[in-house]
């Protein structure tokens, strides 16, 4: 359990959403999500990363998917009715979201962006995402997370089997 209270935790508490917080050993630099899951001794299927994209229209979109998986840009674009989406440059993350790379949470961004969660959230009882600061994660019900971010669910990851053919 973490002693630190991040803005994400305050938002969840204000909305009476139950969560657990975790702290993992960290430096100043972000580490990949699989490393975070391993440091926390958590299953990588319930630890999710938050990615931000820009659509052909100029709108920004947030995608939340398991740390082991890769965002399929075509599926992602289709899920938000865009012609195409592309990852935003790392240098723009703070300006667009209010978070730094490695500490980007779907909760509490500067603006409310359309947020899409991978369909696997429907099959797990708890999801772990960034608490908005490197070294801190929150665990909560996927339904609560989707509700508070006004999110939707879709198949947005690359098919691992198709990549190997």
N, C-alpha and C. Protein backbone atom coordinates (compact mmCIF):
# COMPACT_ATOMS: atom_id res chain seq x y z
N UNK A 1 0.84 -1.19 0.00
CA UNK A 1 0.00 0.00 0.00
C UNK A 1 0.87 1.24 0.00
N UNK A 2 0.47 2.21 -0.74
CA UNK A 2 1.23 3.45 -0.88
C UNK A 2 0.82 4.48 0.17
N UNK A 3 1.79 5.26 0.62
CA UNK A 3 1.52 6.35 1.56
C UNK A 3 1.18 7.63 0.81
N UNK A 4 1.62 7.70 -0.44
CA UNK A 4 1.42 8.89 -1.26
C UNK A 4 -0.01 8.93 -1.79
N UNK A 5 -0.58 10.13 -1.89
CA UNK A 5 -1.90 10.32 -2.50
C UNK A 5 -1.69 11.08 -3.79
N UNK A 6 -2.04 10.45 -4.90
CA UNK A 6 -1.94 11.14 -6.18
C UNK A 6 -3.30 11.76 -6.51
N UNK A 7 -3.31 12.61 -7.51
CA UNK A 7 -4.57 13.21 -7.95
C UNK A 7 -5.57 12.13 -8.36
N UNK A 8 -5.08 11.07 -9.00
CA UNK A 8 -5.94 9.95 -9.42
C UNK A 8 -6.65 9.36 -8.19
N UNK A 9 -5.90 9.14 -7.12
CA UNK A 9 -6.48 8.58 -5.90
C UNK A 9 -7.52 9.52 -5.30
N UNK A 10 -7.23 10.81 -5.34
CA UNK A 10 -8.21 11.79 -4.81
C UNK A 10 -9.50 11.76 -5.62
N UNK A 11 -9.38 11.67 -6.94
CA UNK A 11 -10.57 11.61 -7.81
C UNK A 11 -11.39 10.37 -7.48
N UNK A 12 -10.73 9.22 -7.32
CA UNK A 12 -11.45 7.98 -7.00
C UNK A 12 -12.16 8.10 -5.65
N UNK A 13 -11.47 8.66 -4.67
CA UNK A 13 -12.07 8.81 -3.34
C UNK A 13 -13.26 9.77 -3.37
N UNK A 14 -13.11 10.86 -4.11
CA UNK A 14 -14.20 11.83 -4.23
C UNK A 14 -15.45 11.18 -4.84
N UNK A 15 -15.21 10.22 -5.75
CA UNK A 15 -16.31 9.52 -6.41
C UNK A 15 -16.69 8.22 -5.71
N UNK A 16 -16.14 8.03 -4.51
CA UNK A 16 -16.44 6.85 -3.68
C UNK A 16 -16.19 5.54 -4.41
N UNK A 17 -15.06 5.48 -5.12
CA UNK A 17 -14.66 4.26 -5.83
C UNK A 17 -13.54 3.58 -5.04
N UNK A 18 -13.79 2.32 -4.69
CA UNK A 18 -12.80 1.55 -3.92
C UNK A 18 -11.60 1.20 -4.80
N UNK A 19 -10.42 1.31 -4.23
CA UNK A 19 -9.20 0.95 -4.95
C UNK A 19 -8.12 0.55 -3.96
N UNK A 20 -7.13 -0.16 -4.47
CA UNK A 20 -5.91 -0.45 -3.71
C UNK A 20 -4.80 0.28 -4.42
N UNK A 21 -3.84 0.79 -3.66
CA UNK A 21 -2.71 1.46 -4.30
C UNK A 21 -1.44 0.66 -4.04
N UNK A 22 -0.54 0.72 -4.99
CA UNK A 22 0.73 0.00 -4.92
C UNK A 22 1.85 0.95 -5.26
N UNK A 23 2.98 0.70 -4.64
CA UNK A 23 4.19 1.42 -4.98
C UNK A 23 5.20 0.37 -5.42
N UNK A 24 5.95 0.66 -6.47
CA UNK A 24 7.00 -0.26 -6.90
C UNK A 24 8.31 0.51 -6.95
N UNK A 25 9.43 -0.19 -6.80
CA UNK A 25 10.73 0.48 -6.82
C UNK A 25 10.95 1.16 -8.16
N UNK A 26 11.41 2.40 -8.13
CA UNK A 26 11.55 3.14 -9.39
C UNK A 26 12.64 4.21 -9.27
N UNK A 27 13.14 4.59 -10.44
CA UNK A 27 14.04 5.73 -10.53
C UNK A 27 13.25 6.87 -11.14
N UNK A 28 13.94 7.78 -11.78
CA UNK A 28 13.26 8.91 -12.44
C UNK A 28 12.71 8.52 -13.80
N UNK A 29 13.32 7.49 -14.40
CA UNK A 29 12.93 7.10 -15.76
C UNK A 29 11.83 6.05 -15.73
N UNK A 30 10.91 6.13 -16.70
CA UNK A 30 9.85 5.13 -16.77
C UNK A 30 10.42 3.77 -17.19
N UNK A 31 9.76 2.72 -16.77
CA UNK A 31 10.09 1.37 -17.23
C UNK A 31 8.86 0.82 -17.94
N UNK A 32 9.06 -0.21 -18.74
CA UNK A 32 7.92 -0.76 -19.48
C UNK A 32 6.96 -1.46 -18.52
N UNK A 33 5.74 -1.63 -18.99
CA UNK A 33 4.67 -2.18 -18.16
C UNK A 33 4.90 -3.60 -17.70
N UNK A 34 5.56 -4.42 -18.50
CA UNK A 34 5.84 -5.80 -18.09
C UNK A 34 6.79 -5.78 -16.89
N UNK A 35 7.78 -4.89 -16.93
CA UNK A 35 8.70 -4.75 -15.79
C UNK A 35 7.93 -4.29 -14.55
N UNK A 36 7.02 -3.34 -14.72
CA UNK A 36 6.20 -2.86 -13.60
C UNK A 36 5.40 -4.02 -13.00
N UNK A 37 4.74 -4.81 -13.86
CA UNK A 37 3.95 -5.95 -13.39
C UNK A 37 4.84 -6.92 -12.60
N UNK A 38 6.04 -7.19 -13.13
CA UNK A 38 6.96 -8.10 -12.45
C UNK A 38 7.43 -7.53 -11.12
N UNK A 39 7.74 -6.23 -11.07
CA UNK A 39 8.16 -5.60 -9.82
C UNK A 39 7.07 -5.68 -8.75
N UNK A 40 5.83 -5.63 -9.21
CA UNK A 40 4.68 -5.69 -8.29
C UNK A 40 4.21 -7.12 -8.03
N UNK A 41 4.86 -8.08 -8.72
CA UNK A 41 4.46 -9.50 -8.63
C UNK A 41 2.99 -9.68 -8.99
N UNK A 42 2.60 -9.05 -10.10
CA UNK A 42 1.21 -9.11 -10.57
C UNK A 42 1.16 -9.76 -11.96
N UNK A 43 0.04 -10.37 -12.27
CA UNK A 43 -0.19 -10.99 -13.57
C UNK A 43 -0.25 -9.90 -14.64
N UNK A 44 0.52 -10.06 -15.70
CA UNK A 44 0.56 -9.04 -16.77
C UNK A 44 -0.78 -8.90 -17.49
N UNK A 45 -1.68 -9.86 -17.32
CA UNK A 45 -2.99 -9.77 -17.96
C UNK A 45 -3.93 -8.79 -17.23
N UNK A 46 -3.56 -8.40 -15.99
CA UNK A 46 -4.42 -7.45 -15.28
C UNK A 46 -3.75 -6.09 -15.07
N UNK A 47 -2.49 -5.97 -15.52
CA UNK A 47 -1.79 -4.69 -15.46
C UNK A 47 -1.88 -4.06 -16.86
N UNK A 48 -2.46 -2.86 -16.91
CA UNK A 48 -2.73 -2.22 -18.20
C UNK A 48 -1.92 -0.94 -18.37
N UNK A 49 -1.57 -0.65 -19.63
CA UNK A 49 -0.88 0.60 -19.95
C UNK A 49 -1.86 1.55 -20.62
N UNK A 50 -1.57 2.83 -20.53
CA UNK A 50 -2.42 3.88 -21.09
C UNK A 50 -1.66 4.55 -22.22
N UNK A 51 -2.21 4.48 -23.43
CA UNK A 51 -1.58 5.07 -24.61
C UNK A 51 -2.46 6.18 -25.16
N UNK A 52 -1.82 7.23 -25.66
CA UNK A 52 -2.57 8.37 -26.19
C UNK A 52 -2.25 8.52 -27.68
N UNK A 53 -3.30 8.71 -28.46
CA UNK A 53 -3.15 8.84 -29.91
C UNK A 53 -3.84 10.11 -30.40
N UNK A 54 -3.52 10.44 -31.64
CA UNK A 54 -4.19 11.55 -32.31
C UNK A 54 -4.84 11.00 -33.57
N UNK A 55 -6.10 11.32 -33.74
CA UNK A 55 -6.83 10.82 -34.90
C UNK A 55 -6.64 11.71 -36.12
N UNK A 56 -7.02 11.19 -37.27
CA UNK A 56 -6.96 11.92 -38.54
C UNK A 56 -7.70 13.25 -38.42
N UNK A 57 -8.75 13.29 -37.60
CA UNK A 57 -9.57 14.49 -37.40
C UNK A 57 -8.87 15.55 -36.55
N UNK A 58 -7.78 15.13 -35.86
CA UNK A 58 -7.09 16.05 -34.94
C UNK A 58 -7.49 15.83 -33.49
N UNK A 59 -8.50 14.99 -33.25
CA UNK A 59 -8.91 14.68 -31.88
C UNK A 59 -7.96 13.68 -31.23
N UNK A 60 -7.86 13.75 -29.91
CA UNK A 60 -7.03 12.82 -29.16
C UNK A 60 -7.88 11.70 -28.59
N UNK A 61 -7.27 10.51 -28.51
CA UNK A 61 -7.95 9.32 -28.00
C UNK A 61 -7.02 8.58 -27.06
N UNK A 62 -7.62 7.97 -26.04
CA UNK A 62 -6.86 7.20 -25.06
C UNK A 62 -7.23 5.73 -25.21
N UNK A 63 -6.20 4.87 -25.20
CA UNK A 63 -6.41 3.43 -25.30
C UNK A 63 -5.71 2.76 -24.13
N UNK A 64 -6.43 1.84 -23.47
CA UNK A 64 -5.92 1.17 -22.28
C UNK A 64 -5.92 -0.33 -22.56
N UNK A 65 -4.74 -0.94 -22.50
CA UNK A 65 -4.60 -2.33 -22.89
C UNK A 65 -3.57 -3.04 -22.03
N UNK A 66 -3.63 -4.39 -22.00
CA UNK A 66 -2.67 -5.14 -21.19
C UNK A 66 -1.23 -4.79 -21.58
N UNK A 67 -0.34 -4.74 -20.57
CA UNK A 67 1.04 -4.29 -20.80
C UNK A 67 1.80 -5.15 -21.79
N UNK A 68 1.45 -6.42 -21.93
CA UNK A 68 2.16 -7.31 -22.85
C UNK A 68 1.74 -7.12 -24.30
N UNK A 69 0.62 -6.48 -24.50
CA UNK A 69 0.05 -6.40 -25.85
C UNK A 69 0.43 -5.11 -26.56
N UNK A 70 0.20 -5.13 -27.87
CA UNK A 70 0.52 -3.98 -28.72
C UNK A 70 -0.77 -3.42 -29.32
N UNK A 71 -0.89 -2.11 -29.30
CA UNK A 71 -2.07 -1.46 -29.87
C UNK A 71 -2.09 -1.67 -31.38
N UNK A 72 -3.23 -2.10 -31.89
CA UNK A 72 -3.43 -2.23 -33.33
C UNK A 72 -4.06 -0.91 -33.78
N UNK A 73 -3.30 -0.09 -34.48
CA UNK A 73 -3.77 1.25 -34.85
C UNK A 73 -5.01 1.22 -35.74
N UNK A 74 -5.13 0.21 -36.59
CA UNK A 74 -6.32 0.11 -37.45
C UNK A 74 -7.57 -0.21 -36.63
N UNK A 75 -7.44 -1.18 -35.72
CA UNK A 75 -8.58 -1.54 -34.86
C UNK A 75 -8.92 -0.36 -33.94
N UNK A 76 -7.89 0.32 -33.44
CA UNK A 76 -8.10 1.47 -32.55
C UNK A 76 -8.87 2.56 -33.29
N UNK A 77 -8.45 2.87 -34.50
CA UNK A 77 -9.12 3.91 -35.30
C UNK A 77 -10.58 3.54 -35.53
N UNK A 78 -10.80 2.29 -35.90
CA UNK A 78 -12.17 1.83 -36.15
C UNK A 78 -13.04 1.97 -34.89
N UNK A 79 -12.45 1.68 -33.71
CA UNK A 79 -13.22 1.71 -32.46
C UNK A 79 -13.69 3.12 -32.09
N UNK A 80 -13.00 4.14 -32.62
CA UNK A 80 -13.39 5.53 -32.32
C UNK A 80 -13.90 6.25 -33.56
N UNK A 81 -14.23 5.47 -34.60
CA UNK A 81 -14.79 6.00 -35.86
C UNK A 81 -13.88 7.05 -36.50
N UNK A 82 -12.59 6.74 -36.54
CA UNK A 82 -11.60 7.61 -37.19
C UNK A 82 -11.06 6.90 -38.41
N UNK A 83 -10.60 7.69 -39.39
CA UNK A 83 -9.96 7.13 -40.58
C UNK A 83 -8.63 6.47 -40.18
N UNK A 84 -7.90 7.13 -39.26
CA UNK A 84 -6.64 6.59 -38.77
C UNK A 84 -6.30 7.26 -37.45
N UNK A 85 -5.44 6.60 -36.66
CA UNK A 85 -4.89 7.20 -35.44
C UNK A 85 -3.39 6.91 -35.42
N UNK A 86 -2.64 7.79 -34.77
CA UNK A 86 -1.21 7.55 -34.61
C UNK A 86 -0.82 7.95 -33.19
N UNK A 87 0.23 7.31 -32.69
CA UNK A 87 0.71 7.61 -31.35
C UNK A 87 1.18 9.07 -31.31
N UNK A 88 0.93 9.75 -30.20
CA UNK A 88 1.43 11.12 -30.07
C UNK A 88 2.92 11.05 -29.73
N UNK A 89 3.69 12.08 -30.10
CA UNK A 89 5.10 12.09 -29.73
C UNK A 89 5.26 12.14 -28.20
N UNK A 90 6.26 11.43 -27.68
CA UNK A 90 6.51 11.38 -26.24
C UNK A 90 6.61 12.79 -25.65
N UNK A 91 7.22 13.71 -26.39
CA UNK A 91 7.40 15.09 -25.89
C UNK A 91 6.08 15.82 -25.67
N UNK A 92 4.99 15.33 -26.26
CA UNK A 92 3.68 15.98 -26.14
C UNK A 92 2.79 15.40 -25.04
N UNK A 93 3.22 14.31 -24.41
CA UNK A 93 2.37 13.63 -23.42
C UNK A 93 1.96 14.57 -22.29
N UNK A 94 2.91 15.28 -21.70
CA UNK A 94 2.61 16.16 -20.57
C UNK A 94 1.64 17.27 -20.98
N UNK A 95 1.91 17.88 -22.13
CA UNK A 95 1.08 18.99 -22.62
C UNK A 95 -0.37 18.54 -22.86
N UNK A 96 -0.55 17.34 -23.40
CA UNK A 96 -1.89 16.85 -23.77
C UNK A 96 -2.63 16.24 -22.58
N UNK A 97 -1.90 15.47 -21.74
CA UNK A 97 -2.58 14.71 -20.68
C UNK A 97 -2.41 15.29 -19.28
N UNK A 98 -1.33 16.03 -19.07
CA UNK A 98 -1.02 16.49 -17.71
C UNK A 98 -0.16 15.49 -16.96
N UNK A 99 0.16 14.38 -17.62
CA UNK A 99 0.99 13.33 -17.02
C UNK A 99 2.30 13.19 -17.79
N UNK A 100 3.32 12.61 -17.11
CA UNK A 100 4.58 12.34 -17.79
C UNK A 100 4.59 10.90 -18.27
N UNK A 101 5.47 10.61 -19.23
CA UNK A 101 5.60 9.24 -19.74
C UNK A 101 5.96 8.32 -18.57
N UNK A 102 5.25 7.20 -18.49
CA UNK A 102 5.48 6.24 -17.41
C UNK A 102 4.57 6.49 -16.22
N UNK A 103 3.84 7.60 -16.24
CA UNK A 103 2.92 7.92 -15.15
C UNK A 103 1.58 8.37 -15.68
N UNK A 104 1.25 7.94 -16.89
CA UNK A 104 0.01 8.38 -17.54
C UNK A 104 -1.15 7.46 -17.13
N UNK A 105 -2.17 8.06 -16.52
CA UNK A 105 -3.34 7.31 -16.07
C UNK A 105 -4.55 7.70 -16.91
N UNK A 106 -5.49 6.77 -17.13
CA UNK A 106 -6.71 7.15 -17.84
C UNK A 106 -7.61 8.06 -16.99
N UNK A 107 -7.35 8.13 -15.69
CA UNK A 107 -8.15 8.94 -14.76
C UNK A 107 -7.47 10.29 -14.55
N UNK A 108 -8.25 11.37 -14.67
CA UNK A 108 -7.74 12.68 -14.29
C UNK A 108 -6.85 13.39 -15.30
N UNK A 109 -7.02 13.10 -16.57
CA UNK A 109 -6.24 13.84 -17.58
C UNK A 109 -6.72 15.29 -17.63
N UNK A 110 -5.91 16.15 -18.26
CA UNK A 110 -6.24 17.58 -18.37
C UNK A 110 -7.63 17.79 -18.96
N UNK A 111 -7.94 17.00 -19.98
CA UNK A 111 -9.24 17.06 -20.64
C UNK A 111 -9.82 15.67 -20.66
N UNK A 112 -11.12 15.58 -20.92
CA UNK A 112 -11.76 14.27 -21.03
C UNK A 112 -11.67 13.82 -22.48
N UNK A 113 -10.90 12.78 -22.71
CA UNK A 113 -10.75 12.23 -24.07
C UNK A 113 -11.53 10.93 -24.16
N UNK A 114 -11.98 10.63 -25.38
CA UNK A 114 -12.66 9.35 -25.59
C UNK A 114 -11.67 8.24 -25.24
N UNK A 115 -12.07 7.36 -24.32
CA UNK A 115 -11.18 6.32 -23.81
C UNK A 115 -11.75 4.95 -24.14
N UNK A 116 -10.89 4.10 -24.69
CA UNK A 116 -11.29 2.75 -25.09
C UNK A 116 -10.41 1.74 -24.36
N UNK A 117 -11.05 0.76 -23.74
CA UNK A 117 -10.37 -0.30 -23.01
C UNK A 117 -10.41 -1.58 -23.82
N UNK A 118 -9.35 -2.38 -23.72
CA UNK A 118 -9.36 -3.66 -24.42
C UNK A 118 -10.47 -4.54 -23.84
N UNK A 119 -11.05 -5.33 -24.69
CA UNK A 119 -12.19 -6.20 -24.36
C UNK A 119 -11.89 -7.13 -23.19
N UNK A 120 -10.62 -7.45 -22.94
CA UNK A 120 -10.28 -8.38 -21.85
C UNK A 120 -10.68 -7.82 -20.48
N UNK A 121 -10.94 -6.51 -20.39
CA UNK A 121 -11.39 -5.94 -19.10
C UNK A 121 -12.72 -6.56 -18.67
N UNK A 122 -13.46 -7.10 -19.61
CA UNK A 122 -14.75 -7.72 -19.29
C UNK A 122 -14.57 -9.07 -18.58
N UNK A 123 -13.35 -9.63 -18.62
CA UNK A 123 -13.11 -10.98 -18.12
C UNK A 123 -12.18 -11.02 -16.90
N UNK A 124 -11.86 -9.85 -16.36
CA UNK A 124 -11.03 -9.82 -15.15
C UNK A 124 -11.79 -9.08 -14.05
N UNK A 125 -11.52 -9.45 -12.80
CA UNK A 125 -12.26 -8.81 -11.71
C UNK A 125 -11.57 -7.54 -11.23
N UNK A 126 -10.27 -7.42 -11.42
CA UNK A 126 -9.53 -6.22 -11.03
C UNK A 126 -8.57 -5.82 -12.14
N UNK A 127 -8.40 -4.53 -12.31
CA UNK A 127 -7.48 -3.99 -13.31
C UNK A 127 -6.49 -3.07 -12.57
N UNK A 128 -5.24 -3.07 -13.03
CA UNK A 128 -4.23 -2.20 -12.43
C UNK A 128 -3.75 -1.23 -13.50
N UNK A 129 -3.79 0.07 -13.17
CA UNK A 129 -3.32 1.12 -14.08
C UNK A 129 -2.47 2.11 -13.29
N UNK A 130 -1.80 2.98 -14.00
CA UNK A 130 -0.98 3.99 -13.34
C UNK A 130 -1.83 4.87 -12.43
N UNK A 131 -1.24 5.24 -11.31
CA UNK A 131 -1.91 6.17 -10.38
C UNK A 131 -1.55 7.61 -10.71
N UNK A 132 -0.90 7.82 -11.86
CA UNK A 132 -0.60 9.18 -12.30
C UNK A 132 0.78 9.66 -11.91
N UNK A 133 1.62 8.77 -11.44
CA UNK A 133 2.98 9.12 -11.02
C UNK A 133 3.85 7.88 -11.16
N UNK A 134 5.05 8.04 -11.70
CA UNK A 134 5.96 6.90 -11.83
C UNK A 134 6.17 6.27 -10.46
N UNK A 135 6.04 4.95 -10.41
CA UNK A 135 6.24 4.23 -9.15
C UNK A 135 4.96 3.92 -8.41
N UNK A 136 3.83 4.37 -8.94
CA UNK A 136 2.55 4.17 -8.24
C UNK A 136 1.49 3.63 -9.20
N UNK A 137 0.75 2.64 -8.72
CA UNK A 137 -0.32 2.01 -9.50
C UNK A 137 -1.56 1.90 -8.62
N UNK A 138 -2.72 1.83 -9.27
CA UNK A 138 -3.97 1.59 -8.55
C UNK A 138 -4.63 0.35 -9.11
N UNK A 139 -5.33 -0.37 -8.24
CA UNK A 139 -6.08 -1.56 -8.63
C UNK A 139 -7.53 -1.32 -8.27
N UNK A 140 -8.42 -1.54 -9.24
CA UNK A 140 -9.84 -1.33 -9.00
C UNK A 140 -10.66 -2.17 -9.94
N UNK A 141 -11.96 -2.11 -9.77
CA UNK A 141 -12.87 -2.85 -10.66
C UNK A 141 -12.82 -2.22 -12.05
N UNK A 142 -12.71 -3.05 -13.10
CA UNK A 142 -12.73 -2.49 -14.46
C UNK A 142 -14.01 -1.69 -14.74
N UNK A 143 -15.14 -2.17 -14.20
CA UNK A 143 -16.41 -1.45 -14.42
C UNK A 143 -16.36 -0.05 -13.83
N UNK A 144 -15.77 0.08 -12.63
CA UNK A 144 -15.64 1.41 -12.01
C UNK A 144 -14.74 2.31 -12.84
N UNK A 145 -13.63 1.75 -13.32
CA UNK A 145 -12.68 2.53 -14.12
C UNK A 145 -13.31 2.99 -15.43
N UNK A 146 -14.01 2.08 -16.09
CA UNK A 146 -14.67 2.42 -17.36
C UNK A 146 -15.75 3.49 -17.11
N UNK A 147 -16.49 3.34 -16.02
CA UNK A 147 -17.55 4.30 -15.70
C UNK A 147 -16.99 5.70 -15.42
N UNK A 148 -15.94 5.79 -14.60
CA UNK A 148 -15.43 7.11 -14.21
C UNK A 148 -14.76 7.83 -15.38
N UNK A 149 -14.27 7.08 -16.37
CA UNK A 149 -13.63 7.70 -17.54
C UNK A 149 -14.60 7.78 -18.73
N UNK A 150 -15.84 7.36 -18.49
CA UNK A 150 -16.85 7.32 -19.57
C UNK A 150 -16.31 6.54 -20.77
N UNK A 151 -15.66 5.43 -20.46
CA UNK A 151 -14.99 4.64 -21.49
C UNK A 151 -15.89 3.66 -22.21
N UNK A 152 -15.29 3.05 -23.20
CA UNK A 152 -15.94 1.99 -23.97
C UNK A 152 -14.97 0.82 -24.06
N UNK A 153 -15.46 -0.31 -24.55
CA UNK A 153 -14.65 -1.52 -24.65
C UNK A 153 -14.64 -2.00 -26.09
N UNK A 154 -13.46 -2.41 -26.57
CA UNK A 154 -13.34 -2.89 -27.94
C UNK A 154 -12.09 -3.76 -28.07
N UNK A 155 -12.02 -4.51 -29.16
CA UNK A 155 -10.80 -5.29 -29.46
C UNK A 155 -9.83 -4.33 -30.14
N UNK A 156 -8.77 -3.94 -29.43
CA UNK A 156 -7.84 -2.92 -29.95
C UNK A 156 -6.39 -3.38 -30.01
N UNK A 157 -6.16 -4.70 -29.79
CA UNK A 157 -4.77 -5.16 -29.81
C UNK A 157 -4.45 -5.98 -31.04
N UNK A 158 -3.15 -6.02 -31.35
CA UNK A 158 -2.70 -6.84 -32.47
C UNK A 158 -2.84 -8.29 -32.09
N UNK A 159 -3.28 -9.08 -33.04
CA UNK A 159 -3.42 -10.51 -32.84
C UNK A 159 -2.02 -11.13 -32.84
N UNK A 160 -1.62 -11.70 -31.72
CA UNK A 160 -0.27 -12.26 -31.58
C UNK A 160 -0.04 -13.41 -32.56
N UNK A 161 -1.07 -14.16 -32.86
CA UNK A 161 -0.91 -15.32 -33.75
C UNK A 161 -0.68 -14.88 -35.19
N UNK A 162 -1.38 -13.85 -35.60
CA UNK A 162 -1.25 -13.36 -36.98
C UNK A 162 0.15 -12.79 -37.23
N UNK A 163 0.78 -12.24 -36.20
CA UNK A 163 2.11 -11.63 -36.36
C UNK A 163 3.16 -12.68 -36.67
N UNK A 164 2.96 -13.91 -36.23
CA UNK A 164 3.98 -14.94 -36.37
C UNK A 164 3.93 -15.65 -37.71
N UNK A 165 2.88 -15.44 -38.46
CA UNK A 165 2.70 -16.15 -39.74
C UNK A 165 3.50 -15.48 -40.84
